[in-house]
C-alpha cells in the first residue's frame, strides 16, 4: 500500500482558454496529470484530511468534556471544604466557650491578637515556660474536643 502525504497546496487546477489542466506536485515541481488521476489523488487527500479533522474534533470534544467534568469535581471539592471549614469553626467556637477566662485570654492573645508568649506571660505574671505549658494543655483540650465532636457527627 502506497501512502501519499499530500497537502492542499499540492494540487492545482489551471484554466487556459476554457480548458482546464490538472497538476499534482511531485517532489519540488508540478506535473500535469489526466483529470481522472487528479480526482483520484485529490479525493484520497480530502478523505484523509476529513478523517484527521474528525479525529481532532472528537479529541477536542473529549478534552472539553473532561475539562468540564474536572471543573465540576473541583467545585464540589471546594464547596465540601467550605462546609467542613464552617463546621470546624463552629465546633471550635463551641470548644473555646468551654475555656475559663485565663485559658481564653491565653488563646485569644496568642492566636487572634498574635502577641508573643513572653508578652502574654508578663501580663499574667507567670514565666514564659509556664505559659507555654498551659497553652499546650489548652490546645490539647481543644483538639480532643474537636475530635470528639467530629466523631459524634459521623455516627
N, C-alpha and C. Protein backbone atom coordinates (compact mmCIF):
# COMPACT_ATOMS: atom_id res chain seq x y z
N UNK A 1 0.85 -1.19 0.00
CA UNK A 1 0.00 0.00 0.00
C UNK A 1 0.88 1.24 0.00
N UNK A 2 0.65 2.11 -0.92
CA UNK A 2 1.42 3.35 -1.03
C UNK A 2 0.64 4.47 -0.36
N UNK A 3 1.31 5.18 0.52
CA UNK A 3 0.67 6.30 1.22
C UNK A 3 1.27 7.59 0.68
N UNK A 4 0.42 8.49 0.22
CA UNK A 4 0.86 9.77 -0.29
C UNK A 4 0.61 10.82 0.77
N UNK A 5 1.59 11.65 1.00
CA UNK A 5 1.48 12.69 2.01
C UNK A 5 1.28 14.04 1.31
N UNK A 6 0.08 14.23 0.75
CA UNK A 6 -0.21 15.46 0.03
C UNK A 6 -0.81 16.50 0.96
N UNK A 7 -0.66 17.73 0.55
CA UNK A 7 -1.28 18.85 1.25
C UNK A 7 -2.15 19.58 0.23
N UNK A 8 -3.00 20.46 0.70
CA UNK A 8 -3.91 21.16 -0.20
C UNK A 8 -3.16 21.93 -1.28
N UNK A 9 -2.03 22.47 -0.95
CA UNK A 9 -1.26 23.26 -1.91
C UNK A 9 -0.54 22.38 -2.94
N UNK A 10 -0.66 21.06 -2.82
CA UNK A 10 -0.02 20.14 -3.77
C UNK A 10 -0.91 19.86 -4.99
N UNK A 11 -2.07 20.50 -5.07
CA UNK A 11 -2.99 20.29 -6.19
C UNK A 11 -3.26 21.64 -6.85
N UNK A 12 -3.22 21.64 -8.18
CA UNK A 12 -3.52 22.88 -8.91
C UNK A 12 -4.43 22.57 -10.09
N UNK A 13 -5.38 23.49 -10.29
CA UNK A 13 -6.23 23.47 -11.49
C UNK A 13 -5.99 24.80 -12.18
N UNK A 14 -5.57 24.73 -13.40
CA UNK A 14 -5.31 25.97 -14.14
C UNK A 14 -6.22 25.98 -15.37
N UNK A 15 -6.91 27.08 -15.56
CA UNK A 15 -7.81 27.23 -16.70
C UNK A 15 -7.11 28.05 -17.76
N UNK A 16 -6.92 27.43 -18.93
CA UNK A 16 -6.27 28.13 -20.05
C UNK A 16 -7.19 28.00 -21.27
N UNK A 17 -7.69 29.14 -21.74
CA UNK A 17 -8.57 29.18 -22.92
C UNK A 17 -9.73 28.18 -22.80
N UNK A 18 -10.47 28.26 -21.74
CA UNK A 18 -11.61 27.39 -21.46
C UNK A 18 -11.24 25.90 -21.32
N UNK A 19 -9.98 25.60 -21.23
CA UNK A 19 -9.54 24.23 -20.97
C UNK A 19 -8.87 24.20 -19.59
N UNK A 20 -9.22 23.19 -18.84
CA UNK A 20 -8.59 23.05 -17.52
C UNK A 20 -7.46 22.05 -17.63
N UNK A 21 -6.38 22.39 -16.96
CA UNK A 21 -5.25 21.47 -16.85
C UNK A 21 -5.06 21.18 -15.37
N UNK A 22 -4.71 19.95 -15.07
CA UNK A 22 -4.63 19.49 -13.69
C UNK A 22 -3.18 19.11 -13.38
N UNK A 23 -2.73 19.57 -12.19
CA UNK A 23 -1.35 19.35 -11.80
C UNK A 23 -1.30 18.80 -10.36
N UNK A 24 -0.36 17.90 -10.15
CA UNK A 24 -0.07 17.37 -8.81
C UNK A 24 1.41 17.59 -8.56
N UNK A 25 1.72 18.04 -7.35
CA UNK A 25 3.11 18.30 -7.01
C UNK A 25 3.81 16.97 -6.76
N UNK A 26 4.93 16.82 -7.41
CA UNK A 26 5.76 15.63 -7.21
C UNK A 26 7.17 16.12 -6.94
N UNK A 27 7.61 15.93 -5.72
CA UNK A 27 8.91 16.49 -5.32
C UNK A 27 8.79 17.98 -5.19
N UNK A 28 9.60 18.71 -5.99
CA UNK A 28 9.57 20.17 -5.90
C UNK A 28 8.84 20.81 -7.08
N UNK A 29 8.40 20.00 -8.05
CA UNK A 29 7.72 20.61 -9.19
C UNK A 29 6.38 19.93 -9.45
N UNK A 30 5.52 20.67 -10.15
CA UNK A 30 4.20 20.16 -10.50
C UNK A 30 4.27 19.42 -11.83
N UNK A 31 3.53 18.29 -11.89
CA UNK A 31 3.44 17.57 -13.15
C UNK A 31 1.98 17.53 -13.59
N UNK A 32 1.78 17.63 -14.91
CA UNK A 32 0.41 17.60 -15.43
C UNK A 32 -0.07 16.15 -15.46
N UNK A 33 -1.31 15.96 -15.01
CA UNK A 33 -1.89 14.61 -14.97
C UNK A 33 -3.29 14.66 -15.58
N UNK A 34 -3.80 13.51 -16.03
CA UNK A 34 -5.18 13.48 -16.52
C UNK A 34 -6.15 13.76 -15.37
N UNK A 35 -7.35 14.20 -15.73
CA UNK A 35 -8.36 14.56 -14.74
C UNK A 35 -8.69 13.40 -13.81
N UNK A 36 -8.71 12.17 -14.33
CA UNK A 36 -9.04 11.00 -13.51
C UNK A 36 -8.00 10.80 -12.41
N UNK A 37 -6.74 10.94 -12.74
CA UNK A 37 -5.65 10.79 -11.75
C UNK A 37 -5.75 11.92 -10.73
N UNK A 38 -5.96 13.13 -11.22
CA UNK A 38 -6.09 14.30 -10.33
C UNK A 38 -7.22 14.09 -9.33
N UNK A 39 -8.40 13.68 -9.83
CA UNK A 39 -9.56 13.48 -8.96
C UNK A 39 -9.30 12.36 -7.95
N UNK A 40 -8.66 11.29 -8.40
CA UNK A 40 -8.36 10.18 -7.50
C UNK A 40 -7.45 10.61 -6.35
N UNK A 41 -6.37 11.29 -6.68
CA UNK A 41 -5.44 11.74 -5.64
C UNK A 41 -6.05 12.81 -4.74
N UNK A 42 -6.78 13.73 -5.35
CA UNK A 42 -7.40 14.78 -4.54
C UNK A 42 -8.48 14.20 -3.63
N UNK A 43 -9.25 13.22 -4.13
CA UNK A 43 -10.28 12.57 -3.30
C UNK A 43 -9.63 11.85 -2.13
N UNK A 44 -8.50 11.18 -2.39
CA UNK A 44 -7.79 10.49 -1.31
C UNK A 44 -7.29 11.50 -0.28
N UNK A 45 -6.76 12.62 -0.77
CA UNK A 45 -6.31 13.68 0.14
C UNK A 45 -7.46 14.20 0.99
N UNK A 46 -8.60 14.50 0.37
CA UNK A 46 -9.75 15.05 1.09
C UNK A 46 -10.28 14.05 2.12
N UNK A 47 -10.31 12.78 1.75
CA UNK A 47 -10.78 11.74 2.68
C UNK A 47 -9.87 11.70 3.91
N UNK A 48 -8.57 11.70 3.69
CA UNK A 48 -7.61 11.69 4.80
C UNK A 48 -7.73 12.96 5.62
N UNK A 49 -7.86 14.09 4.95
CA UNK A 49 -7.99 15.38 5.63
C UNK A 49 -9.22 15.41 6.54
N UNK A 50 -10.37 14.97 5.99
CA UNK A 50 -11.61 14.94 6.79
C UNK A 50 -11.50 13.98 7.96
N UNK A 51 -10.86 12.84 7.75
CA UNK A 51 -10.68 11.86 8.82
C UNK A 51 -9.85 12.45 9.96
N UNK A 52 -8.77 13.12 9.58
CA UNK A 52 -7.91 13.75 10.61
C UNK A 52 -8.67 14.83 11.35
N UNK A 53 -9.41 15.67 10.63
CA UNK A 53 -10.18 16.74 11.27
C UNK A 53 -11.24 16.17 12.20
N UNK A 54 -11.87 15.09 11.77
CA UNK A 54 -12.90 14.45 12.60
C UNK A 54 -12.28 13.93 13.89
N UNK A 55 -11.13 13.29 13.79
CA UNK A 55 -10.44 12.78 14.99
C UNK A 55 -10.03 13.92 15.90
N UNK A 56 -9.52 15.01 15.29
CA UNK A 56 -9.14 16.17 16.10
C UNK A 56 -10.36 16.77 16.78
N UNK A 57 -11.48 16.82 16.07
CA UNK A 57 -12.72 17.35 16.64
C UNK A 57 -13.19 16.49 17.79
N UNK A 58 -13.12 15.18 17.63
CA UNK A 58 -13.54 14.28 18.70
C UNK A 58 -12.62 14.40 19.90
N UNK A 59 -11.31 14.53 19.65
CA UNK A 59 -10.39 14.66 20.78
C UNK A 59 -10.61 15.99 21.47
N UNK A 60 -10.96 17.03 20.70
CA UNK A 60 -11.25 18.34 21.29
C UNK A 60 -12.50 18.26 22.17
N UNK A 61 -13.52 17.58 21.68
CA UNK A 61 -14.75 17.41 22.47
C UNK A 61 -14.45 16.63 23.74
N UNK A 62 -13.68 15.55 23.60
CA UNK A 62 -13.34 14.74 24.77
C UNK A 62 -12.58 15.58 25.78
N UNK A 63 -11.64 16.42 25.30
CA UNK A 63 -10.88 17.27 26.19
C UNK A 63 -11.79 18.26 26.91
N UNK A 64 -12.72 18.90 26.16
CA UNK A 64 -13.62 19.87 26.77
C UNK A 64 -14.54 19.20 27.77
N UNK A 65 -15.06 18.00 27.45
CA UNK A 65 -15.92 17.28 28.39
C UNK A 65 -15.13 16.92 29.63
N UNK A 66 -13.89 16.47 29.44
CA UNK A 66 -13.03 16.12 30.55
C UNK A 66 -12.76 17.34 31.42
N UNK A 67 -12.48 18.47 30.77
CA UNK A 67 -12.22 19.72 31.49
C UNK A 67 -13.44 20.13 32.31
N UNK A 68 -14.65 20.05 31.70
CA UNK A 68 -15.88 20.42 32.41
C UNK A 68 -16.10 19.49 33.59
N UNK A 69 -15.89 18.20 33.39
CA UNK A 69 -16.08 17.24 34.47
C UNK A 69 -15.13 17.53 35.61
N UNK A 70 -13.85 17.78 35.28
CA UNK A 70 -12.87 18.11 36.32
C UNK A 70 -13.24 19.40 37.04
N UNK A 71 -13.77 20.38 36.31
CA UNK A 71 -14.18 21.64 36.92
C UNK A 71 -15.31 21.42 37.92
N UNK A 72 -16.26 20.57 37.54
CA UNK A 72 -17.39 20.27 38.43
C UNK A 72 -16.88 19.57 39.69
N UNK A 73 -15.98 18.60 39.50
CA UNK A 73 -15.43 17.87 40.65
C UNK A 73 -14.67 18.83 41.56
N UNK A 74 -13.86 19.73 40.95
CA UNK A 74 -13.12 20.71 41.75
C UNK A 74 -14.06 21.63 42.51
N UNK A 75 -15.17 22.05 41.87
CA UNK A 75 -16.15 22.91 42.55
C UNK A 75 -16.77 22.16 43.71
N UNK A 76 -17.10 20.88 43.50
CA UNK A 76 -17.65 20.08 44.60
C UNK A 76 -16.67 19.99 45.75
N UNK A 77 -15.40 19.74 45.42
CA UNK A 77 -14.38 19.67 46.48
C UNK A 77 -14.31 20.99 47.23
N UNK A 78 -14.34 22.10 46.48
CA UNK A 78 -14.27 23.42 47.10
C UNK A 78 -15.43 23.62 48.07
N UNK A 79 -16.66 23.32 47.62
CA UNK A 79 -17.82 23.52 48.48
C UNK A 79 -17.80 22.58 49.68
N UNK A 80 -17.33 21.36 49.49
CA UNK A 80 -17.23 20.42 50.61
C UNK A 80 -16.21 20.94 51.62
N UNK A 81 -15.07 21.46 51.11
CA UNK A 81 -14.07 22.04 52.00
C UNK A 81 -14.65 23.23 52.77
N UNK A 82 -15.42 24.07 52.08
CA UNK A 82 -16.02 25.23 52.75
C UNK A 82 -16.99 24.78 53.84
N UNK A 83 -17.79 23.77 53.54
CA UNK A 83 -18.73 23.24 54.53
C UNK A 83 -17.96 22.67 55.72
N UNK A 84 -16.90 21.91 55.43
CA UNK A 84 -16.09 21.34 56.51
C UNK A 84 -15.45 22.44 57.35
N UNK A 85 -14.97 23.51 56.69
CA UNK A 85 -14.35 24.62 57.43
C UNK A 85 -15.37 25.29 58.34
N UNK A 86 -16.58 25.53 57.80
CA UNK A 86 -17.61 26.17 58.62
C UNK A 86 -17.97 25.30 59.81
N UNK A 87 -18.09 24.00 59.56
CA UNK A 87 -18.43 23.08 60.65
C UNK A 87 -17.32 23.05 61.69
N UNK A 88 -16.07 23.02 61.22
CA UNK A 88 -14.93 23.02 62.12
C UNK A 88 -14.86 24.31 62.94
N UNK A 89 -15.09 25.45 62.28
CA UNK A 89 -15.08 26.73 63.00
C UNK A 89 -16.21 26.80 64.03
N UNK A 90 -17.36 26.26 63.67
CA UNK A 90 -18.48 26.23 64.62
C UNK A 90 -18.12 25.39 65.84
N UNK A 91 -17.53 24.21 65.59
CA UNK A 91 -17.13 23.34 66.70
C UNK A 91 -16.01 23.98 67.52
N UNK A 92 -15.10 24.68 66.85
CA UNK A 92 -14.02 25.35 67.57
C UNK A 92 -14.56 26.47 68.45
N UNK A 93 -15.51 27.24 67.94
CA UNK A 93 -16.08 28.32 68.77
C UNK A 93 -16.81 27.75 69.97
N UNK A 94 -17.50 26.60 69.79
CA UNK A 94 -18.15 25.96 70.94
C UNK A 94 -17.12 25.48 71.95
N UNK A 95 -15.99 24.95 71.48
CA UNK A 95 -14.94 24.47 72.37
C UNK A 95 -14.28 25.62 73.12
N UNK A 96 -14.08 26.75 72.44
CA UNK A 96 -13.46 27.91 73.08
C UNK A 96 -14.35 28.47 74.18
N UNK A 97 -15.66 28.37 73.98
CA UNK A 97 -16.59 28.84 75.01
C UNK A 97 -16.49 28.01 76.29
N UNK A 98 -15.96 26.81 76.21
CA UNK A 98 -15.80 25.96 77.38
C UNK A 98 -14.58 26.32 78.21
N UNK A 99 -13.70 27.17 77.68
CA UNK A 99 -12.49 27.57 78.40
C UNK A 99 -12.81 28.58 79.49
N UNK A 100 -12.01 28.57 80.56
CA UNK A 100 -12.19 29.60 81.59
C UNK A 100 -11.55 30.89 81.11
N UNK A 101 -11.69 31.96 81.86
CA UNK A 101 -11.24 33.28 81.42
C UNK A 101 -9.74 33.34 81.12
N UNK A 102 -8.93 32.74 81.99
CA UNK A 102 -7.48 32.78 81.78
C UNK A 102 -7.09 31.99 80.52
N UNK A 103 -7.68 30.81 80.34
CA UNK A 103 -7.39 29.99 79.16
C UNK A 103 -7.81 30.73 77.87
N UNK A 104 -8.99 31.34 77.93
CA UNK A 104 -9.47 32.10 76.78
C UNK A 104 -8.53 33.25 76.47
N UNK A 105 -8.07 33.98 77.51
CA UNK A 105 -7.15 35.10 77.32
C UNK A 105 -5.86 34.64 76.64
N UNK A 106 -5.34 33.50 77.09
CA UNK A 106 -4.10 32.97 76.52
C UNK A 106 -4.29 32.67 75.03
N UNK A 107 -5.31 31.92 74.68
CA UNK A 107 -5.56 31.53 73.29
C UNK A 107 -5.86 32.76 72.43
N UNK A 108 -6.73 33.65 72.93
CA UNK A 108 -7.10 34.83 72.17
C UNK A 108 -5.89 35.73 71.92
N UNK A 109 -5.07 35.93 72.94
CA UNK A 109 -3.90 36.82 72.81
C UNK A 109 -2.87 36.25 71.83
N UNK A 110 -2.59 34.95 71.95
CA UNK A 110 -1.54 34.36 71.13
C UNK A 110 -1.99 34.15 69.68
N UNK A 111 -3.20 33.60 69.49
CA UNK A 111 -3.61 33.21 68.14
C UNK A 111 -4.44 34.25 67.40
N UNK A 112 -5.17 35.07 68.10
CA UNK A 112 -6.01 36.05 67.40
C UNK A 112 -5.38 37.44 67.39
N UNK A 113 -4.77 37.84 68.49
CA UNK A 113 -4.11 39.14 68.53
C UNK A 113 -2.64 39.03 68.12
N UNK A 114 -2.15 37.79 67.97
CA UNK A 114 -0.79 37.48 67.54
C UNK A 114 0.27 38.13 68.44
N UNK A 115 0.03 38.07 69.73
CA UNK A 115 1.02 38.56 70.70
C UNK A 115 2.03 37.44 70.96
N UNK A 116 3.19 37.81 71.44
CA UNK A 116 4.20 36.80 71.77
C UNK A 116 3.87 36.15 73.11
N UNK A 117 4.39 34.94 73.28
CA UNK A 117 4.16 34.25 74.55
C UNK A 117 4.78 35.04 75.71
N UNK A 118 5.90 35.66 75.45
CA UNK A 118 6.58 36.42 76.51
C UNK A 118 5.71 37.59 76.98
N UNK A 119 5.09 38.32 76.06
CA UNK A 119 4.27 39.47 76.45
C UNK A 119 3.01 39.01 77.18
N UNK A 120 2.41 37.92 76.76
CA UNK A 120 1.22 37.39 77.43
C UNK A 120 1.59 36.90 78.82
N UNK A 121 2.75 36.23 78.93
CA UNK A 121 3.22 35.73 80.23
C UNK A 121 3.45 36.90 81.19
N UNK A 122 4.00 37.99 80.68
CA UNK A 122 4.25 39.16 81.52
C UNK A 122 2.93 39.74 82.04
N UNK A 123 1.88 39.77 81.19
CA UNK A 123 0.57 40.28 81.62
C UNK A 123 -0.05 39.40 82.69
N UNK A 124 0.22 38.09 82.63
CA UNK A 124 -0.35 37.16 83.61
C UNK A 124 0.56 36.95 84.81
N UNK A 125 1.74 37.59 84.81
CA UNK A 125 2.73 37.46 85.89
C UNK A 125 3.17 36.01 86.09
N UNK A 126 3.42 35.33 84.98
CA UNK A 126 3.96 33.97 85.05
C UNK A 126 5.14 33.90 84.07
N UNK A 127 5.93 32.84 84.17
CA UNK A 127 7.07 32.71 83.26
C UNK A 127 6.57 32.29 81.87
N UNK A 128 7.42 32.54 80.89
CA UNK A 128 7.06 32.18 79.52
C UNK A 128 6.94 30.66 79.38
N UNK A 129 7.78 29.90 80.12
CA UNK A 129 7.72 28.45 80.08
C UNK A 129 6.40 27.94 80.66
N UNK A 130 5.94 28.57 81.73
CA UNK A 130 4.67 28.18 82.35
C UNK A 130 3.51 28.48 81.39
N UNK A 131 3.60 29.62 80.72
CA UNK A 131 2.56 29.97 79.75
C UNK A 131 2.55 28.96 78.60
N UNK A 132 3.73 28.57 78.13
CA UNK A 132 3.83 27.61 77.04
C UNK A 132 3.21 26.27 77.46
N UNK A 133 3.47 25.84 78.67
CA UNK A 133 2.91 24.59 79.18
C UNK A 133 1.38 24.68 79.24
N UNK A 134 0.84 25.80 79.74
CA UNK A 134 -0.62 26.00 79.79
C UNK A 134 -1.22 26.03 78.37
N UNK A 135 -0.54 26.73 77.47
CA UNK A 135 -1.02 26.80 76.09
C UNK A 135 -1.12 25.41 75.48
N UNK A 136 -0.11 24.58 75.71
CA UNK A 136 -0.13 23.22 75.18
C UNK A 136 -1.29 22.42 75.76
N UNK A 137 -1.54 22.59 77.05
CA UNK A 137 -2.67 21.89 77.68
C UNK A 137 -4.00 22.34 77.09
N UNK A 138 -4.13 23.65 76.87
CA UNK A 138 -5.37 24.20 76.30
C UNK A 138 -5.56 23.66 74.87
N UNK A 139 -4.49 23.69 74.08
CA UNK A 139 -4.58 23.19 72.71
C UNK A 139 -4.93 21.71 72.67
N UNK A 140 -4.38 20.94 73.59
CA UNK A 140 -4.71 19.52 73.67
C UNK A 140 -6.19 19.33 74.01
N UNK A 141 -6.70 20.15 74.94
CA UNK A 141 -8.12 20.10 75.29
C UNK A 141 -8.99 20.41 74.06
N UNK A 142 -8.62 21.49 73.33
CA UNK A 142 -9.38 21.88 72.14
C UNK A 142 -9.33 20.78 71.06
N UNK A 143 -8.16 20.21 70.88
CA UNK A 143 -8.00 19.14 69.89
C UNK A 143 -8.89 17.95 70.24
N UNK A 144 -8.84 17.53 71.50
CA UNK A 144 -9.67 16.39 71.92
C UNK A 144 -11.16 16.70 71.78
N UNK A 145 -11.54 17.92 72.11
CA UNK A 145 -12.95 18.30 71.99
C UNK A 145 -13.38 18.28 70.52
N UNK A 146 -12.54 18.80 69.62
CA UNK A 146 -12.87 18.81 68.19
C UNK A 146 -12.93 17.39 67.63
N UNK A 147 -12.00 16.55 68.05
CA UNK A 147 -12.01 15.16 67.59
C UNK A 147 -13.27 14.43 68.08
N UNK A 148 -13.63 14.67 69.34
CA UNK A 148 -14.82 14.02 69.87
C UNK A 148 -16.09 14.54 69.19
N UNK A 149 -16.13 15.83 68.91
CA UNK A 149 -17.34 16.36 68.25
C UNK A 149 -17.43 15.89 66.81
N UNK A 150 -16.29 15.75 66.12
CA UNK A 150 -16.34 15.25 64.74
C UNK A 150 -16.69 13.77 64.70
N UNK A 151 -16.23 13.01 65.69
CA UNK A 151 -16.58 11.59 65.76
C UNK A 151 -18.06 11.40 66.07
N UNK A 152 -18.63 12.25 66.93
CA UNK A 152 -20.05 12.13 67.24
C UNK A 152 -20.92 12.56 66.06
N UNK A 153 -20.41 13.48 65.19
CA UNK A 153 -21.16 13.90 63.99
C UNK A 153 -21.16 12.80 62.94
N UNK A 154 -20.09 12.00 62.87
CA UNK A 154 -20.02 10.93 61.90
C UNK A 154 -20.94 9.77 62.25
N UNK A 155 -21.21 9.60 63.51
CA UNK A 155 -22.05 8.47 63.95
C UNK A 155 -23.50 8.65 63.59
